[in-house]
């Protein structure tokens, strides 16, 4: 015996899916060495609904004819006021969001952002454009917590691993070379350089 729940449901008419747009952006996580570890730059905008600052890695659109690396350096300079040099790619992030187009229709956006790890060369925060409400150095452990999006927090963690690995690899290698050079001089009976 069929119950009420077994009756076929009336289907609503199919709606057209919103248009799909693909966007490609580039950005950079700028770092510097401090006495107590590594610091990185995050930039913030006000969250539309919460009113709080949403801290993110600086990024922006790649312009026609521009490489992703050039776009990342330009966006970092515009949004933070800092000049930087790219050390290495940090990773790509992809996500979806919905926005209203100029005519008012809904548009689905698939966005890919390529991030780079960048070493600070110079510049000042006060030389940035007005796109971001705030720009600040964070110790890298604090940046992992403060970054607003999980995918960017993962990139900050990756940057921390890379930076700590570089630090750990560089320093002992220098000491090992200088010890072996000293040992070689002693074995040849040479005096150490003064």
Protein backbone atom coordinates (compact mmCIF):
# COMPACT_ATOMS: atom_id res chain seq x y z
CA UNK A 1 0.00 0.00 0.00
CA UNK A 2 1.46 3.33 -1.04
CA UNK A 3 1.79 6.08 1.52
CA UNK A 4 1.64 9.81 0.95
CA UNK A 5 5.42 9.99 0.66
CA UNK A 6 5.37 7.54 -2.23
CA UNK A 7 3.53 9.84 -4.61
CA UNK A 8 5.59 11.43 -7.37
CA UNK A 9 6.70 14.95 -6.59
CA UNK A 10 5.93 17.76 -8.99
CA UNK A 11 9.21 19.08 -10.33
CA UNK A 12 9.77 22.79 -10.59
CA UNK A 13 10.84 24.06 -14.01
CA UNK A 14 14.57 23.87 -14.67
CA UNK A 15 16.41 27.13 -14.10
CA UNK A 16 19.25 28.25 -16.28
CA UNK A 17 22.61 28.02 -14.58
CA UNK A 18 24.37 31.33 -14.06
CA UNK A 19 27.19 32.12 -16.47
CA UNK A 20 30.63 30.76 -15.59
CA UNK A 21 33.69 33.02 -15.64
CA UNK A 22 37.27 31.87 -15.09
CA UNK A 23 39.74 34.23 -13.43
CA UNK A 24 43.47 33.94 -12.93
CA UNK A 25 45.36 35.97 -10.35
CA UNK A 26 48.81 36.04 -8.79
CA UNK A 27 50.15 37.10 -5.43
CA UNK A 28 53.02 36.84 -3.02
CA UNK A 29 53.81 36.13 0.60
CA UNK A 30 56.59 38.56 1.49
CA UNK A 31 58.94 37.54 4.31
CA UNK A 32 61.83 38.94 6.30
CA UNK A 33 64.10 37.51 8.98
CA UNK A 34 63.74 38.79 12.54
CA UNK A 35 65.72 38.02 15.66
CA UNK A 36 62.93 35.78 16.94
CA UNK A 37 62.15 34.05 13.61
CA UNK A 38 60.34 34.86 10.38
CA UNK A 39 57.78 37.58 9.72
CA UNK A 40 55.37 37.75 6.76
CA UNK A 41 53.08 40.46 5.38
CA UNK A 42 49.30 40.13 5.29
CA UNK A 43 46.90 42.75 3.94
CA UNK A 44 43.31 43.29 5.07
CA UNK A 45 39.92 44.47 3.86
CA UNK A 46 36.76 44.85 5.90
CA UNK A 47 34.53 41.79 5.78
CA UNK A 48 31.26 42.91 4.17
CA UNK A 49 28.95 41.21 6.66
CA UNK A 50 30.98 41.00 9.87
CA UNK A 51 32.75 44.35 9.68
CA UNK A 52 36.02 42.79 10.91
CA UNK A 53 39.32 42.87 9.05
CA UNK A 54 39.91 39.82 6.85
CA UNK A 55 43.69 39.28 6.58
CA UNK A 56 44.91 37.74 3.31
CA UNK A 57 48.02 37.26 1.21
CA UNK A 58 48.29 40.16 -1.29
CA UNK A 59 47.06 39.15 -4.76
CA UNK A 60 45.36 40.48 -7.89
CA UNK A 61 44.50 39.90 -11.54
CA UNK A 62 47.12 39.06 -14.13
CA UNK A 63 46.87 41.71 -16.85
CA UNK A 64 47.02 40.89 -20.57
CA UNK A 65 50.61 40.23 -21.67
CA UNK A 66 51.89 40.04 -18.07
CA UNK A 67 53.57 36.98 -16.58
CA UNK A 68 52.27 35.57 -13.31
CA UNK A 69 55.55 36.45 -11.59
CA UNK A 70 55.38 40.07 -12.81
CA UNK A 71 51.74 40.34 -11.77
CA UNK A 72 52.54 38.99 -8.30
CA UNK A 73 55.38 41.50 -7.81
CA UNK A 74 53.18 44.36 -9.07
CA UNK A 75 50.25 43.41 -6.83
CA UNK A 76 52.51 43.14 -3.77
CA UNK A 77 53.97 46.58 -4.54
CA UNK A 78 50.52 48.13 -5.10
CA UNK A 79 48.79 46.57 -2.08
CA UNK A 80 51.65 46.75 0.45
CA UNK A 81 54.09 49.41 -0.78
CA UNK A 82 56.94 46.87 -0.56
CA UNK A 83 59.34 45.79 -3.25
CA UNK A 84 60.31 42.14 -3.23
CA UNK A 85 62.14 39.41 -5.12
CA UNK A 86 60.63 36.02 -5.85
CA UNK A 87 62.39 33.12 -4.17
CA UNK A 88 60.17 30.32 -5.44
CA UNK A 89 56.58 29.38 -6.29
CA UNK A 90 54.53 28.70 -3.17
CA UNK A 91 51.50 27.01 -4.72
CA UNK A 92 48.17 27.51 -6.45
CA UNK A 93 44.81 27.99 -4.76
CA UNK A 94 41.46 27.47 -6.49
CA UNK A 95 37.99 28.43 -5.30
CA UNK A 96 34.47 29.32 -6.45
CA UNK A 97 32.39 32.35 -5.64
CA UNK A 98 29.32 34.15 -6.97
CA UNK A 99 29.05 37.81 -7.87
CA UNK A 100 26.67 40.16 -9.64
CA UNK A 101 27.66 41.22 -13.13
CA UNK A 102 27.23 44.78 -14.41
CA UNK A 103 23.76 44.01 -15.82
CA UNK A 104 22.71 42.57 -12.44
CA UNK A 105 22.73 38.89 -13.37
CA UNK A 106 24.47 36.31 -11.19
CA UNK A 107 27.85 35.05 -12.38
CA UNK A 108 29.69 32.01 -11.03
CA UNK A 109 33.45 32.55 -10.85
CA UNK A 110 36.10 29.84 -10.82
CA UNK A 111 39.30 31.48 -9.64
CA UNK A 112 42.88 30.21 -9.60
CA UNK A 113 45.57 32.17 -7.77
CA UNK A 114 49.29 31.42 -8.14
CA UNK A 115 51.29 32.46 -5.09
CA UNK A 116 55.04 33.03 -4.75
CA UNK A 117 57.32 33.21 -1.73
CA UNK A 118 59.03 36.62 -1.85
CA UNK A 119 61.96 38.16 0.00
CA UNK A 120 61.50 41.80 1.02
CA UNK A 121 63.90 44.20 -0.68
CA UNK A 122 62.56 47.58 0.44
CA UNK A 123 59.61 49.95 0.40
CA UNK A 124 57.20 51.26 3.03
CA UNK A 125 53.59 50.45 3.86
CA UNK A 126 52.61 54.09 3.52
CA UNK A 127 53.53 53.95 -0.20
CA UNK A 128 50.73 51.49 -1.00
CA UNK A 129 47.50 52.27 -2.85
CA UNK A 130 44.17 52.54 -1.03
CA UNK A 131 42.85 49.12 -2.07
CA UNK A 132 43.65 47.48 1.27
CA UNK A 133 42.50 48.93 4.56
CA UNK A 134 45.49 47.65 6.53
CA UNK A 135 48.87 46.02 5.92
CA UNK A 136 51.00 44.51 8.65
CA UNK A 137 53.95 42.27 9.49
CA UNK A 138 53.00 39.16 11.46
CA UNK A 139 55.32 36.59 13.00
CA UNK A 140 54.82 33.53 10.83
CA UNK A 141 53.09 31.51 13.58
CA UNK A 142 50.59 34.32 14.13
CA UNK A 143 49.99 34.65 10.37
CA UNK A 144 49.00 30.97 10.21
CA UNK A 145 46.18 31.79 12.65
CA UNK A 146 45.24 35.26 11.33
CA UNK A 147 44.94 34.45 7.61
CA UNK A 148 41.21 34.52 6.88
CA UNK A 149 41.01 31.57 4.49
CA UNK A 150 42.04 27.95 5.13
CA UNK A 151 43.83 27.65 1.77
CA UNK A 152 45.96 30.71 2.55
CA UNK A 153 46.69 29.43 6.06
CA UNK A 154 48.01 26.25 4.40
CA UNK A 155 50.28 28.38 2.18
CA UNK A 156 51.67 30.25 5.20
CA UNK A 157 52.40 26.87 6.83
CA UNK A 158 54.16 25.74 3.65
CA UNK A 159 56.20 28.97 3.63
CA UNK A 160 57.17 28.39 7.26
CA UNK A 161 58.41 24.89 6.41
CA UNK A 162 60.41 26.21 3.45
CA UNK A 163 61.94 29.09 5.43
CA UNK A 164 62.83 26.94 8.42
CA UNK A 165 64.29 24.34 6.07
CA UNK A 166 66.44 26.96 4.33
CA UNK A 167 67.67 28.25 7.64
CA UNK A 168 68.47 24.76 8.95
CA UNK A 169 70.24 23.76 5.73
CA UNK A 170 72.27 26.92 5.18
CA UNK A 171 73.88 27.39 8.58
CA UNK A 172 75.26 23.89 9.25
CA UNK A 173 76.51 23.62 5.65
CA UNK A 174 78.63 26.75 6.10
CA UNK A 175 80.09 25.49 9.35
CA UNK A 176 80.85 22.10 7.87
CA UNK A 177 82.71 23.65 4.93
CA UNK A 178 84.76 25.96 7.12
CA UNK A 179 85.70 23.08 9.46
CA UNK A 180 86.76 20.85 6.58
CA UNK A 181 88.78 23.71 5.04
CA UNK A 182 90.50 24.23 8.40
CA UNK A 183 91.14 20.52 8.73
CA UNK A 184 92.60 20.42 5.22
CA UNK A 185 94.96 23.33 6.02
CA UNK A 186 96.08 21.64 9.25
CA UNK A 187 96.73 18.36 7.43
CA UNK A 188 98.95 20.23 4.94
CA UNK A 189 100.73 21.99 7.80
CA UNK A 190 99.52 25.44 6.71
CA UNK A 191 98.80 28.32 9.04
CA UNK A 192 95.16 29.48 9.31
CA UNK A 193 94.40 32.70 7.40
CA UNK A 194 94.50 35.89 9.48
